[in-house]
Amino acid sequence: MKVAAVQAEPAWWDLKASVAKSISILREASANGAELVGFPESFIPGYPMGIWTHGFNRPFLTKFKANALAVDSQEFKEILEAAKEAGIWVVLGFTEREGGSMYGAQVIIDSKGVVVLHRRKIKSTGQERTIWGDGPADSIQNVVEGPRGLKLGALNCWEHLQPLLRYHTYSQGVQIHVASWPLFLSKSFGHDDFQSSAEGNALQAQFTALEGQTFVISSTQVLLPENVERAGLSGVAIWEKGGGGFAAIYGPDGKQLTPPTKPDEETILYADIDLGEVHSAKLLGDPVGHYSRPDLLSLRADPRPRPFVLEEGSDGSEMTLMQRLHRL
């Protein structure tokens, strides 16, 4: 089965253009034989890196919020229809707008244009907490039956630095995992903070493959030099040359299956994967199976949705993210 990882520049802060570009990319991936394509974090409407460099900017964030994607919108329906027409599975990363709030979200869309998973980043990282809310409890249920019956999962960015969340992902039997990332500068572009470098974050994706014996589709954003000002990063010396891309596809033994990308290159990476490689890798390690000691170490996970109180004094009603989506 052929899968695809996206390394592309968002249509910065333009919802309609973002949707059009996303549709163009998924169609291209399908035309090239991919059955599954993974997108970066907040590809719609772009990752607001300026929150890390310029602080809380009300005029910008107002525009950003206006161009975030709501799941009850016509734009979202257009993406579903495009996935159906192309006959491809899509893992889409986007900033979701619901009511007066925003969330770092992912959806898994099957080849018939049906959403089979809707989740939100369970804990936003650093400055992201000024704009994104926390994901609800059912967002830790992040693995579904994917193409050809394979177990397909997804996490956003530094969710890969949460060992319990990774472990819970493995416990759901993930065999193909989409790691959605924003843009991180490479050390080759003069960035000297390894923790927030492209190399440091690529290591997280590769380690997830190695630790969980799963294929990992690692998809990233990129910033072209001519769009530094448009992305809100003008005057920030380290971003003057753009960059930020480090997409790759990894095998369940941790080996990189795709050639290196240039940090300022837009591309779609492809790899042919064989489920047998997962079974082979698990002969040596299975952190939730033969290579575990549940009598000594275990994880307690509670994915039950918490009640939303409808009115004061009521008992409230439980409603999952998927139930909200299906009520459209």
C-alpha atoms as a PDB file:
ATOM      1  CA  MET A   1       0.000   0.000   0.000  1.00  0.00           C
ATOM      2  CA  LYS A   2       1.323   3.431  -0.924  1.00  0.00           C
ATOM      3  CA  VAL A   3       1.113   6.242   1.629  1.00  0.00           C
ATOM      4  CA  ALA A   4       2.020   9.921   1.410  1.00  0.00           C
ATOM      5  CA  ALA A   5       3.479  12.566   3.720  1.00  0.00           C
ATOM      6  CA  VAL A   6       2.896  16.250   2.964  1.00  0.00           C
ATOM      7  CA  GLN A   7       5.568  18.921   3.287  1.00  0.00           C
ATOM      8  CA  ALA A   8       3.911  22.115   2.117  1.00  0.00           C
ATOM      9  CA  GLU A   9       3.382  25.777   2.826  1.00  0.00           C
ATOM     10  CA  PRO A  10      -0.071  26.752   4.090  1.00  0.00           C
ATOM     11  CA  ALA A  11      -2.132  29.455   2.375  1.00  0.00           C
ATOM     12  CA  TRP A  12      -1.414  31.708   5.331  1.00  0.00           C
ATOM     13  CA  TRP A  13      -4.564  32.907   7.152  1.00  0.00           C
ATOM     14  CA  ASP A  14      -6.884  32.384   4.156  1.00  0.00           C
ATOM     15  CA  LEU A  15      -9.531  29.729   4.820  1.00  0.00           C
ATOM     16  CA  LYS A  16     -10.809  29.329   1.278  1.00  0.00           C
ATOM     17  CA  ALA A  17      -7.313  29.222  -0.208  1.00  0.00           C
ATOM     18  CA  SER A  18      -6.252  26.764   2.508  1.00  0.00           C
ATOM     19  CA  VAL A  19      -9.112  24.421   1.670  1.00  0.00           C
ATOM     20  CA  ALA A  20      -8.362  24.691  -2.052  1.00  0.00           C
ATOM     21  CA  LYS A  21      -4.682  23.853  -1.481  1.00  0.00           C
ATOM     22  CA  SER A  22      -5.543  20.926   0.788  1.00  0.00           C
ATOM     23  CA  ILE A  23      -7.876  19.539  -1.859  1.00  0.00           C
ATOM     24  CA  SER A  24      -5.237  19.992  -4.561  1.00  0.00           C
ATOM     25  CA  ILE A  25      -2.682  18.089  -2.480  1.00  0.00           C
ATOM     26  CA  LEU A  26      -4.968  15.160  -1.661  1.00  0.00           C
ATOM     27  CA  ARG A  27      -5.942  14.877  -5.325  1.00  0.00           C
ATOM     28  CA  GLU A  28      -2.278  14.854  -6.357  1.00  0.00           C
ATOM     29  CA  ALA A  29      -1.469  12.178  -3.799  1.00  0.00           C
ATOM     30  CA  SER A  30      -4.364  10.052  -5.023  1.00  0.00           C
ATOM     31  CA  ALA A  31      -3.365  10.495  -8.660  1.00  0.00           C
ATOM     32  CA  ASN A  32       0.102   9.221  -7.731  1.00  0.00           C
ATOM     33  CA  GLY A  33      -1.368   6.050  -6.262  1.00  0.00           C
ATOM     34  CA  ALA A  34      -1.461   6.870  -2.545  1.00  0.00           C
ATOM     35  CA  GLU A  35      -4.284   5.347  -0.497  1.00  0.00           C
ATOM     36  CA  LEU A  36      -3.542   7.534   2.531  1.00  0.00           C
ATOM     37  CA  VAL A  37      -2.154  11.070   2.890  1.00  0.00           C
ATOM     38  CA  GLY A  38      -1.129  12.792   6.118  1.00  0.00           C
ATOM     39  CA  PHE A  39      -1.180  16.590   6.557  1.00  0.00           C
ATOM     40  CA  PRO A  40       0.757  18.848   8.976  1.00  0.00           C
ATOM     41  CA  GLU A  41      -0.583  20.349  12.185  1.00  0.00           C
ATOM     42  CA  SER A  42      -2.852  23.388  11.672  1.00  0.00           C
ATOM     43  CA  PHE A  43      -2.355  23.254   7.912  1.00  0.00           C
ATOM     44  CA  ILE A  44      -5.612  25.175   7.798  1.00  0.00           C
ATOM     45  CA  PRO A  45      -5.160  28.145   8.093  1.00  0.00           C
ATOM     46  CA  GLY A  46      -1.426  27.782   8.867  1.00  0.00           C
ATOM     47  CA  TYR A  47       0.519  27.454  12.088  1.00  0.00           C
ATOM     48  CA  PRO A  48       0.741  30.810  13.931  1.00  0.00           C
ATOM     49  CA  MET A  49       4.464  30.755  14.704  1.00  0.00           C
ATOM     50  CA  GLY A  50       4.206  34.456  15.550  1.00  0.00           C
ATOM     51  CA  ILE A  51       2.681  33.584  18.935  1.00  0.00           C
ATOM     52  CA  TRP A  52       6.185  32.421  19.906  1.00  0.00           C
ATOM     53  CA  THR A  53       7.984  35.478  18.522  1.00  0.00           C
ATOM     54  CA  HIS A  54       5.554  38.403  18.911  1.00  0.00           C
ATOM     55  CA  GLY A  55       3.342  37.453  21.839  1.00  0.00           C
ATOM     56  CA  PHE A  56      -0.413  38.016  22.006  1.00  0.00           C
ATOM     57  CA  ASN A  57      -1.352  40.047  18.928  1.00  0.00           C
ATOM     58  CA  ARG A  58      -5.098  40.708  19.052  1.00  0.00           C
ATOM     59  CA  PRO A  59      -5.571  42.013  15.457  1.00  0.00           C
ATOM     60  CA  PHE A  60      -3.647  39.060  13.988  1.00  0.00           C
ATOM     61  CA  LEU A  61      -5.357  36.468  16.176  1.00  0.00           C
ATOM     62  CA  THR A  62      -8.768  37.898  15.272  1.00  0.00           C
ATOM     63  CA  LYS A  63      -7.930  37.309  11.604  1.00  0.00           C
ATOM     64  CA  PHE A  64      -6.490  33.891  12.383  1.00  0.00           C
ATOM     65  CA  LYS A  65      -9.643  32.842  14.209  1.00  0.00           C
ATOM     66  CA  ALA A  66     -11.881  34.085  11.403  1.00  0.00           C
ATOM     67  CA  ASN A  67     -10.012  31.775   9.007  1.00  0.00           C
ATOM     68  CA  ALA A  68      -9.988  28.691  11.243  1.00  0.00           C
ATOM     69  CA  LEU A  69     -12.035  25.704  10.079  1.00  0.00           C
ATOM     70  CA  ALA A  70     -15.359  24.741  11.676  1.00  0.00           C
ATOM     71  CA  VAL A  71     -16.604  21.189  11.187  1.00  0.00           C
ATOM     72  CA  ASP A  72     -20.136  22.427  10.455  1.00  0.00           C
ATOM     73  CA  SER A  73     -18.937  24.642   7.603  1.00  0.00           C
ATOM     74  CA  GLN A  74     -19.317  24.434   3.844  1.00  0.00           C
ATOM     75  CA  GLU A  75     -15.517  24.442   3.554  1.00  0.00           C
ATOM     76  CA  PHE A  76     -15.285  21.282   5.653  1.00  0.00           C
ATOM     77  CA  LYS A  77     -17.919  19.606   3.492  1.00  0.00           C
ATOM     78  CA  GLU A  78     -15.846  20.465   0.409  1.00  0.00           C
ATOM     79  CA  ILE A  79     -12.880  18.584   1.863  1.00  0.00           C
ATOM     80  CA  LEU A  80     -15.045  15.538   2.602  1.00  0.00           C
ATOM     81  CA  GLU A  81     -16.411  15.557  -0.931  1.00  0.00           C
ATOM     82  CA  ALA A  82     -12.918  15.875  -2.402  1.00  0.00           C
ATOM     83  CA  ALA A  83     -11.664  12.887  -0.394  1.00  0.00           C
ATOM     84  CA  LYS A  84     -14.634  10.874  -1.634  1.00  0.00           C
ATOM     85  CA  GLU A  85     -14.067  11.866  -5.263  1.00  0.00           C
ATOM     86  CA  ALA A  86     -10.349  11.068  -5.028  1.00  0.00           C
ATOM     87  CA  GLY A  87     -10.997   7.821  -3.168  1.00  0.00           C
ATOM     88  CA  ILE A  88      -8.242   8.504  -0.628  1.00  0.00           C
ATOM     89  CA  TRP A  89      -7.939   8.394   3.148  1.00  0.00           C
ATOM     90  CA  VAL A  90      -6.937  11.759   4.632  1.00  0.00           C
ATOM     91  CA  VAL A  91      -5.541  12.724   8.026  1.00  0.00           C
ATOM     92  CA  LEU A  92      -6.039  16.484   8.187  1.00  0.00           C
ATOM     93  CA  GLY A  93      -4.513  18.800  10.777  1.00  0.00           C
ATOM     94  CA  PHE A  94      -6.294  22.122  11.277  1.00  0.00           C
ATOM     95  CA  THR A  95      -7.159  24.811  13.780  1.00  0.00           C
ATOM     96  CA  GLU A  96     -10.781  24.127  14.634  1.00  0.00           C
ATOM     97  CA  ARG A  97     -13.182  26.906  15.533  1.00  0.00           C
ATOM     98  CA  GLU A  98     -16.211  26.040  17.634  1.00  0.00           C
ATOM     99  CA  GLY A  99     -18.286  28.826  19.103  1.00  0.00           C
ATOM    100  CA  GLY A 100     -15.894  31.336  20.628  1.00  0.00           C
ATOM    101  CA  SER A 101     -12.983  28.916  21.038  1.00  0.00           C
ATOM    102  CA  MET A 102     -10.239  27.306  18.989  1.00  0.00           C
ATOM    103  CA  TYR A 103      -8.526  23.915  19.209  1.00  0.00           C
ATOM    104  CA  GLY A 104      -5.613  22.116  17.559  1.00  0.00           C
ATOM    105  CA  ALA A 105      -7.573  19.383  15.782  1.00  0.00           C
ATOM    106  CA  GLN A 106      -7.197  16.357  13.537  1.00  0.00           C
ATOM    107  CA  VAL A 107      -9.742  14.384  11.573  1.00  0.00           C
ATOM    108  CA  ILE A 108      -9.370  11.064   9.805  1.00  0.00           C
ATOM    109  CA  ILE A 109     -11.521  10.925   6.676  1.00  0.00           C
ATOM    110  CA  ASP A 110     -12.039   7.621   4.892  1.00  0.00           C
ATOM    111  CA  SER A 111     -12.034   7.093   1.131  1.00  0.00           C
ATOM    112  CA  LYS A 112     -15.823   7.515   1.036  1.00  0.00           C
ATOM    113  CA  GLY A 113     -15.598  11.009   2.491  1.00  0.00           C
ATOM    114  CA  VAL A 114     -16.774  10.012   5.980  1.00  0.00           C
ATOM    115  CA  VAL A 115     -15.115  11.276   9.166  1.00  0.00           C
ATOM    116  CA  VAL A 116     -14.127   8.226  11.202  1.00  0.00           C
ATOM    117  CA  LEU A 117     -12.143  10.103  13.864  1.00  0.00           C
ATOM    118  CA  HIS A 118     -12.298  13.655  15.188  1.00  0.00           C
ATOM    119  CA  ARG A 119      -9.878  14.600  17.949  1.00  0.00           C
ATOM    120  CA  ARG A 120      -8.241  17.641  19.521  1.00  0.00           C
ATOM    121  CA  LYS A 121      -4.729  18.076  20.890  1.00  0.00           C
ATOM    122  CA  ILE A 122      -5.145  17.091  24.524  1.00  0.00           C
ATOM    123  CA  LYS A 123      -2.707  19.712  25.839  1.00  0.00           C
ATOM    124  CA  SER A 124      -1.502  22.648  23.788  1.00  0.00           C
ATOM    125  CA  THR A 125       2.202  23.444  24.021  1.00  0.00           C
ATOM    126  CA  GLY A 126       3.607  26.616  25.556  1.00  0.00           C
ATOM    127  CA  GLN A 127       2.311  29.726  23.797  1.00  0.00           C
ATOM    128  CA  GLU A 128      -0.368  27.683  22.019  1.00  0.00           C
ATOM    129  CA  ARG A 129      -2.275  27.721  25.306  1.00  0.00           C
ATOM    130  CA  THR A 130      -3.026  31.405  24.725  1.00  0.00           C
ATOM    131  CA  ILE A 131      -5.177  30.501  21.690  1.00  0.00           C
ATOM    132  CA  TRP A 132      -6.132  26.794  21.817  1.00  0.00           C
ATOM    133  CA  GLY A 133      -8.232  24.993  24.397  1.00  0.00           C
ATOM    134  CA  ASP A 134      -7.526  21.495  25.742  1.00  0.00           C
ATOM    135  CA  GLY A 135      -8.907  18.463  23.960  1.00  0.00           C
ATOM    136  CA  PRO A 136     -11.693  16.453  25.662  1.00  0.00           C
ATOM    137  CA  ALA A 137     -11.183  13.015  27.183  1.00  0.00           C
ATOM    138  CA  ASP A 138     -12.266  11.053  24.111  1.00  0.00           C
ATOM    139  CA  SER A 139      -9.427  12.628  22.115  1.00  0.00           C
ATOM    140  CA  ILE A 140      -7.055  10.046  23.599  1.00  0.00           C
ATOM    141  CA  GLN A 141      -8.948   7.442  21.554  1.00  0.00           C
ATOM    142  CA  ASN A 142      -6.868   8.206  18.481  1.00  0.00           C
ATOM    143  CA  VAL A 143      -6.706   4.931  16.536  1.00  0.00           C
ATOM    144  CA  VAL A 144      -9.332   3.600  14.107  1.00  0.00           C
ATOM    145  CA  GLU A 145      -9.630   0.895  11.472  1.00  0.00           C
ATOM    146  CA  GLY A 146      -8.042   2.465   8.408  1.00  0.00           C
ATOM    147  CA  PRO A 147      -7.424   1.490   4.780  1.00  0.00           C
ATOM    148  CA  ARG A 148      -7.339  -2.269   4.159  1.00  0.00           C
ATOM    149  CA  GLY A 149      -8.310  -2.810   7.780  1.00  0.00           C
ATOM    150  CA  LEU A 150      -4.982  -1.534   9.122  1.00  0.00           C
ATOM    151  CA  LYS A 151      -5.037   0.300  12.441  1.00  0.00           C
ATOM    152  CA  LEU A 152      -4.527   4.013  11.725  1.00  0.00           C
ATOM    153  CA  GLY A 153      -3.660   6.591  14.395  1.00  0.00           C
ATOM    154  CA  ALA A 154      -2.733  10.256  14.666  1.00  0.00           C
ATOM    155  CA  LEU A 155      -1.172  12.745  17.080  1.00  0.00           C
ATOM    156  CA  ASN A 156      -0.204  16.411  16.829  1.00  0.00           C
ATOM    157  CA  CYS A 157       3.327  17.740  17.357  1.00  0.00           C
ATOM    158  CA  TRP A 158       4.527  17.530  20.957  1.00  0.00           C
ATOM    159  CA  GLU A 159       1.860  15.018  21.875  1.00  0.00           C
ATOM    160  CA  HIS A 160       4.725  12.740  20.798  1.00  0.00           C
ATOM    161  CA  LEU A 161       6.656  13.939  23.862  1.00  0.00           C
ATOM    162  CA  GLN A 162       3.966  12.584  26.192  1.00  0.00           C
ATOM    163  CA  PRO A 163       5.066   9.000  26.915  1.00  0.00           C
ATOM    164  CA  LEU A 164       1.740   7.919  28.413  1.00  0.00           C
ATOM    165  CA  LEU A 165      -0.132   9.178  25.364  1.00  0.00           C
ATOM    166  CA  ARG A 166       2.262   7.368  23.035  1.00  0.00           C
ATOM    167  CA  TYR A 167       1.835   4.203  25.101  1.00  0.00           C
ATOM    168  CA  HIS A 168      -1.939   4.530  24.949  1.00  0.00           C
ATOM    169  CA  THR A 169      -1.656   4.876  21.159  1.00  0.00           C
ATOM    170  CA  TYR A 170       0.344   1.641  20.976  1.00  0.00           C
ATOM    171  CA  SER A 171      -2.183  -0.081  23.231  1.00  0.00           C
ATOM    172  CA  GLN A 172      -4.854   0.565  20.604  1.00  0.00           C
ATOM    173  CA  GLY A 173      -2.877  -1.527  18.111  1.00  0.00           C
ATOM    174  CA  VAL A 174      -1.674   1.257  15.808  1.00  0.00           C
ATOM    175  CA  GLN A 175       0.087   0.036  12.639  1.00  0.00           C
ATOM    176  CA  ILE A 176       0.216   3.303  10.650  1.00  0.00           C
ATOM    177  CA  HIS A 177       0.590   6.531  12.565  1.00  0.00           C
ATOM    178  CA  VAL A 178       0.352  10.093  11.220  1.00  0.00           C
ATOM    179  CA  ALA A 179       2.516  12.606  13.083  1.00  0.00           C
ATOM    180  CA  SER A 180       1.334  16.121  12.210  1.00  0.00           C
ATOM    181  CA  TRP A 181       3.850  18.947  12.743  1.00  0.00           C
ATOM    182  CA  PRO A 182       4.054  22.689  12.203  1.00  0.00           C
ATOM    183  CA  LEU A 183       7.318  24.202  10.887  1.00  0.00           C
ATOM    184  CA  PHE A 184      10.585  23.877  12.835  1.00  0.00           C
ATOM    185  CA  LEU A 185      13.882  25.356  11.742  1.00  0.00           C
ATOM    186  CA  SER A 186      16.787  23.106  10.877  1.00  0.00           C
ATOM    187  CA  LYS A 187      20.199  23.547  12.453  1.00  0.00           C
ATOM    188  CA  SER A 188      21.457  23.981   8.881  1.00  0.00           C
ATOM    189  CA  PHE A 189      19.434  27.216   8.779  1.00  0.00           C
ATOM    190  CA  GLY A 190      21.285  28.544  11.813  1.00  0.00           C
ATOM    191  CA  HIS A 191      18.909  27.319  14.534  1.00  0.00           C
ATOM    192  CA  ASP A 192      20.789  26.277  17.663  1.00  0.00           C
ATOM    193  CA  ASP A 193      17.983  25.177  20.021  1.00  0.00           C
ATOM    194  CA  PHE A 194      17.861  21.403  19.539  1.00  0.00           C
ATOM    195  CA  GLN A 195      14.669  20.959  21.554  1.00  0.00           C
ATOM    196  CA  SER A 196      12.688  23.065  19.060  1.00  0.00           C
ATOM    197  CA  SER A 197      14.691  22.226  15.936  1.00  0.00           C
ATOM    198  CA  ALA A 198      13.630  20.222  12.913  1.00  0.00           C
ATOM    199  CA  GLU A 199      16.181  17.584  13.866  1.00  0.00           C
ATOM    200  CA  GLY A 200      14.857  17.305  17.421  1.00  0.00           C
ATOM    201  CA  ASN A 201      11.258  16.904  16.311  1.00  0.00           C
ATOM    202  CA  ALA A 202      12.116  14.492  13.494  1.00  0.00           C
ATOM    203  CA  LEU A 203      13.731  12.373  16.194  1.00  0.00           C
ATOM    204  CA  GLN A 204      10.390  12.217  18.039  1.00  0.00           C
ATOM    205  CA  ALA A 205       8.629  10.865  14.949  1.00  0.00           C
ATOM    206  CA  GLN A 206      11.364   8.338  14.233  1.00  0.00           C
ATOM    207  CA  PHE A 207      11.435   7.164  17.843  1.00  0.00           C
ATOM    208  CA  THR A 208       7.651   6.682  17.796  1.00  0.00           C
ATOM    209  CA  ALA A 209       8.126   4.303  14.855  1.00  0.00           C
ATOM    210  CA  LEU A 210      10.952   2.466  16.627  1.00  0.00           C
ATOM    211  CA  GLU A 211       9.270   2.301  20.035  1.00  0.00           C
ATOM    212  CA  GLY A 212       5.805   1.353  18.821  1.00  0.00           C
ATOM    213  CA  GLN A 213       6.837  -0.793  15.838  1.00  0.00           C
ATOM    214  CA  THR A 214       4.549   1.214  13.593  1.00  0.00           C
ATOM    215  CA  PHE A 215       4.868   2.996  10.280  1.00  0.00           C
ATOM    216  CA  VAL A 216       4.990   6.756  10.870  1.00  0.00           C
ATOM    217  CA  ILE A 217       3.941   9.333   8.287  1.00  0.00           C
ATOM    218  CA  SER A 218       5.562  12.539   9.524  1.00  0.00           C
ATOM    219  CA  SER A 219       4.093  15.606   7.784  1.00  0.00           C
ATOM    220  CA  THR A 220       5.345  19.161   8.198  1.00  0.00           C
ATOM    221  CA  GLN A 221       4.716  22.732   7.171  1.00  0.00           C
ATOM    222  CA  VAL A 222       7.280  24.828   5.343  1.00  0.00           C
ATOM    223  CA  LEU A 223       7.799  28.563   4.892  1.00  0.00           C
ATOM    224  CA  LEU A 224       9.049  29.895   1.569  1.00  0.00           C
ATOM    225  CA  PRO A 225      11.422  32.876   1.869  1.00  0.00           C
ATOM    226  CA  GLU A 226       9.159  35.190  -0.123  1.00  0.00           C
ATOM    227  CA  ASN A 227       6.313  34.663   2.360  1.00  0.00           C
ATOM    228  CA  VAL A 228       8.126  35.431   5.627  1.00  0.00           C
ATOM    229  CA  GLU A 229       6.263  38.729   6.040  1.00  0.00           C
ATOM    230  CA  ARG A 230       2.912  37.170   5.135  1.00  0.00           C
ATOM    231  CA  ALA A 231       3.472  34.492   7.784  1.00  0.00           C
ATOM    232  CA  GLY A 232       4.011  37.230  10.377  1.00  0.00           C
ATOM    233  CA  LEU A 233       7.700  36.453  10.916  1.00  0.00           C
ATOM    234  CA  SER A 234       9.393  39.473   9.360  1.00  0.00           C
ATOM    235  CA  GLY A 235      11.998  41.001  11.628  1.00  0.00           C
ATOM    236  CA  VAL A 236      12.754  37.604  13.223  1.00  0.00           C
ATOM    237  CA  ALA A 237      16.332  36.914  12.171  1.00  0.00           C
ATOM    238  CA  ILE A 238      16.192  33.114  12.324  1.00  0.00           C
ATOM    239  CA  TRP A 239      13.178  33.016   9.978  1.00  0.00           C
ATOM    240  CA  GLU A 240      14.552  35.383   7.313  1.00  0.00           C
ATOM    241  CA  LYS A 241      15.423  32.462   5.000  1.00  0.00           C
ATOM    242  CA  GLY A 242      12.168  30.592   5.628  1.00  0.00           C
ATOM    243  CA  GLY A 243      12.432  26.821   5.947  1.00  0.00           C
ATOM    244  CA  GLY A 244      10.841  24.610   8.570  1.00  0.00           C
ATOM    245  CA  GLY A 245      10.270  21.372   6.660  1.00  0.00           C
ATOM    246  CA  PHE A 246      11.448  17.932   7.836  1.00  0.00           C
ATOM    247  CA  ALA A 247       8.824  15.496   6.506  1.00  0.00           C
ATOM    248  CA  ALA A 248       9.616  11.793   6.268  1.00  0.00           C
ATOM    249  CA  ILE A 249       8.090   8.329   6.390  1.00  0.00           C
ATOM    250  CA  TYR A 250       9.566   5.781   8.799  1.00  0.00           C
ATOM    251  CA  GLY A 251       9.286   2.014   8.957  1.00  0.00           C
ATOM    252  CA  PRO A 252       8.338   0.018  12.084  1.00  0.00           C
ATOM    253  CA  ASP A 253      12.033  -0.681  12.720  1.00  0.00           C
ATOM    254  CA  GLY A 254      12.692   3.081  12.799  1.00  0.00           C
ATOM    255  CA  LYS A 255      14.363   3.217   9.389  1.00  0.00           C
ATOM    256  CA  GLN A 256      13.651   6.270   7.224  1.00  0.00           C
ATOM    257  CA  LEU A 257      11.950   5.133   4.020  1.00  0.00           C
ATOM    258  CA  THR A 258      12.044   8.447   2.145  1.00  0.00           C
ATOM    259  CA  PRO A 259      14.900  10.667   0.967  1.00  0.00           C
ATOM    260  CA  PRO A 260      15.814  13.781   2.968  1.00  0.00           C
ATOM    261  CA  THR A 261      13.897  16.926   2.086  1.00  0.00           C
ATOM    262  CA  LYS A 262      15.179  20.469   1.809  1.00  0.00           C
ATOM    263  CA  PRO A 263      13.863  22.660   4.648  1.00  0.00           C
ATOM    264  CA  ASP A 264      12.315  25.162   2.199  1.00  0.00           C
ATOM    265  CA  GLU A 265      10.966  22.614  -0.307  1.00  0.00           C
ATOM    266  CA  GLU A 266       7.321  21.827  -1.005  1.00  0.00           C
ATOM    267  CA  THR A 267       6.899  18.161  -1.794  1.00  0.00           C
ATOM    268  CA  ILE A 268       4.798  15.048  -1.255  1.00  0.00           C
ATOM    269  CA  LEU A 269       6.764  12.009  -0.096  1.00  0.00           C
ATOM    270  CA  TYR A 270       5.632   8.471  -0.908  1.00  0.00           C
ATOM    271  CA  ALA A 271       6.438   5.025   0.449  1.00  0.00           C
ATOM    272  CA  ASP A 272       5.111   1.531  -0.177  1.00  0.00           C
ATOM    273  CA  ILE A 273       4.420  -0.189   3.110  1.00  0.00           C
ATOM    274  CA  ASP A 274       3.972  -3.851   3.994  1.00  0.00           C
ATOM    275  CA  LEU A 275       2.144  -4.901   7.175  1.00  0.00           C
ATOM    276  CA  GLY A 276       4.520  -7.846   7.422  1.00  0.00           C
ATOM    277  CA  GLU A 277       7.240  -5.426   8.482  1.00  0.00           C
ATOM    278  CA  VAL A 278       5.183  -4.522  11.571  1.00  0.00           C
ATOM    279  CA  HIS A 279       4.919  -8.180  12.538  1.00  0.00           C
ATOM    280  CA  SER A 280       8.640  -8.658  11.956  1.00  0.00           C
ATOM    281  CA  ALA A 281       9.596  -5.642  14.094  1.00  0.00           C
ATOM    282  CA  LYS A 282       7.379  -6.873  16.936  1.00  0.00           C
ATOM    283  CA  LEU A 283       9.401 -10.076  17.206  1.00  0.00           C
ATOM    284  CA  LEU A 284      11.984  -8.041  19.122  1.00  0.00           C
ATOM    285  CA  GLY A 285       9.840  -5.477  20.884  1.00  0.00           C
ATOM    286  CA  ASP A 286       6.176  -4.968  21.694  1.00  0.00           C
ATOM    287  CA  PRO A 287       5.744  -2.429  24.527  1.00  0.00           C
ATOM    288  CA  VAL A 288       2.139  -3.442  25.166  1.00  0.00           C
ATOM    289  CA  GLY A 289       2.665  -7.167  24.621  1.00  0.00           C
ATOM    290  CA  HIS A 290       5.501  -9.604  25.179  1.00  0.00           C
ATOM    291  CA  TYR A 291       7.976  -6.815  26.001  1.00  0.00           C
ATOM    292  CA  SER A 292       5.936  -5.449  28.889  1.00  0.00           C
ATOM    293  CA  ARG A 293       5.343  -6.219  32.556  1.00  0.00           C
ATOM    294  CA  PRO A 294       1.747  -5.133  33.250  1.00  0.00           C
ATOM    295  CA  ASP A 295       1.969  -6.713  36.702  1.00  0.00           C
ATOM    296  CA  LEU A 296       4.628  -4.113  37.556  1.00  0.00           C
ATOM    297  CA  LEU A 297       3.833  -1.128  35.321  1.00  0.00           C
ATOM    298  CA  SER A 298       0.455  -0.180  33.865  1.00  0.00           C
ATOM    299  CA  LEU A 299      -1.423   2.805  32.477  1.00  0.00           C
ATOM    300  CA  ARG A 300      -4.828   4.005  33.628  1.00  0.00           C
ATOM    301  CA  ALA A 301      -6.679   5.760  30.815  1.00  0.00           C
ATOM    302  CA  ASP A 302     -10.174   7.234  31.031  1.00  0.00           C
ATOM    303  CA  PRO A 303     -11.478   8.252  27.585  1.00  0.00           C
ATOM    304  CA  ARG A 304     -15.096   8.651  28.707  1.00  0.00           C
ATOM    305  CA  PRO A 305     -16.491  12.025  27.601  1.00  0.00           C
ATOM    306  CA  ARG A 306     -17.285  14.393  30.415  1.00  0.00           C
ATOM    307  CA  PRO A 307     -20.835  15.747  30.635  1.00  0.00           C
ATOM    308  CA  PHE A 308     -21.691  19.116  29.161  1.00  0.00           C
ATOM    309  CA  VAL A 309     -24.124  20.879  31.501  1.00  0.00           C
ATOM    310  CA  LEU A 310     -27.020  22.147  29.407  1.00  0.00           C
ATOM    311  CA  GLU A 311     -28.657  24.254  32.109  1.00  0.00           C
ATOM    312  CA  GLU A 312     -28.164  24.877  35.784  1.00  0.00           C
ATOM    313  CA  GLY A 313     -29.483  22.013  37.859  1.00  0.00           C
ATOM    314  CA  SER A 314     -29.673  19.550  34.956  1.00  0.00           C
ATOM    315  CA  ASP A 315     -27.849  16.245  34.914  1.00  0.00           C
ATOM    316  CA  GLY A 316     -26.085  17.206  31.688  1.00  0.00           C
ATOM    317  CA  SER A 317     -25.529  14.862  28.771  1.00  0.00           C
ATOM    318  CA  GLU A 318     -22.483  13.065  27.504  1.00  0.00           C
ATOM    319  CA  MET A 319     -21.522  13.980  23.973  1.00  0.00           C
ATOM    320  CA  THR A 320     -18.403  12.837  22.136  1.00  0.00           C
ATOM    321  CA  LEU A 321     -16.695  14.865  19.429  1.00  0.00           C
ATOM    322  CA  MET A 322     -17.925  12.355  16.865  1.00  0.00           C
ATOM    323  CA  GLN A 323     -21.504  12.710  18.067  1.00  0.00           C
ATOM    324  CA  ARG A 324     -21.239  16.461  17.631  1.00  0.00           C
ATOM    325  CA  LEU A 325     -19.986  15.942  14.102  1.00  0.00           C
ATOM    326  CA  HIS A 326     -22.767  13.522  13.207  1.00  0.00           C
ATOM    327  CA  ARG A 327     -25.429  15.966  14.321  1.00  0.00           C
ATOM    328  CA  LEU A 328     -24.631  18.280  11.375  1.00  0.00           C
END
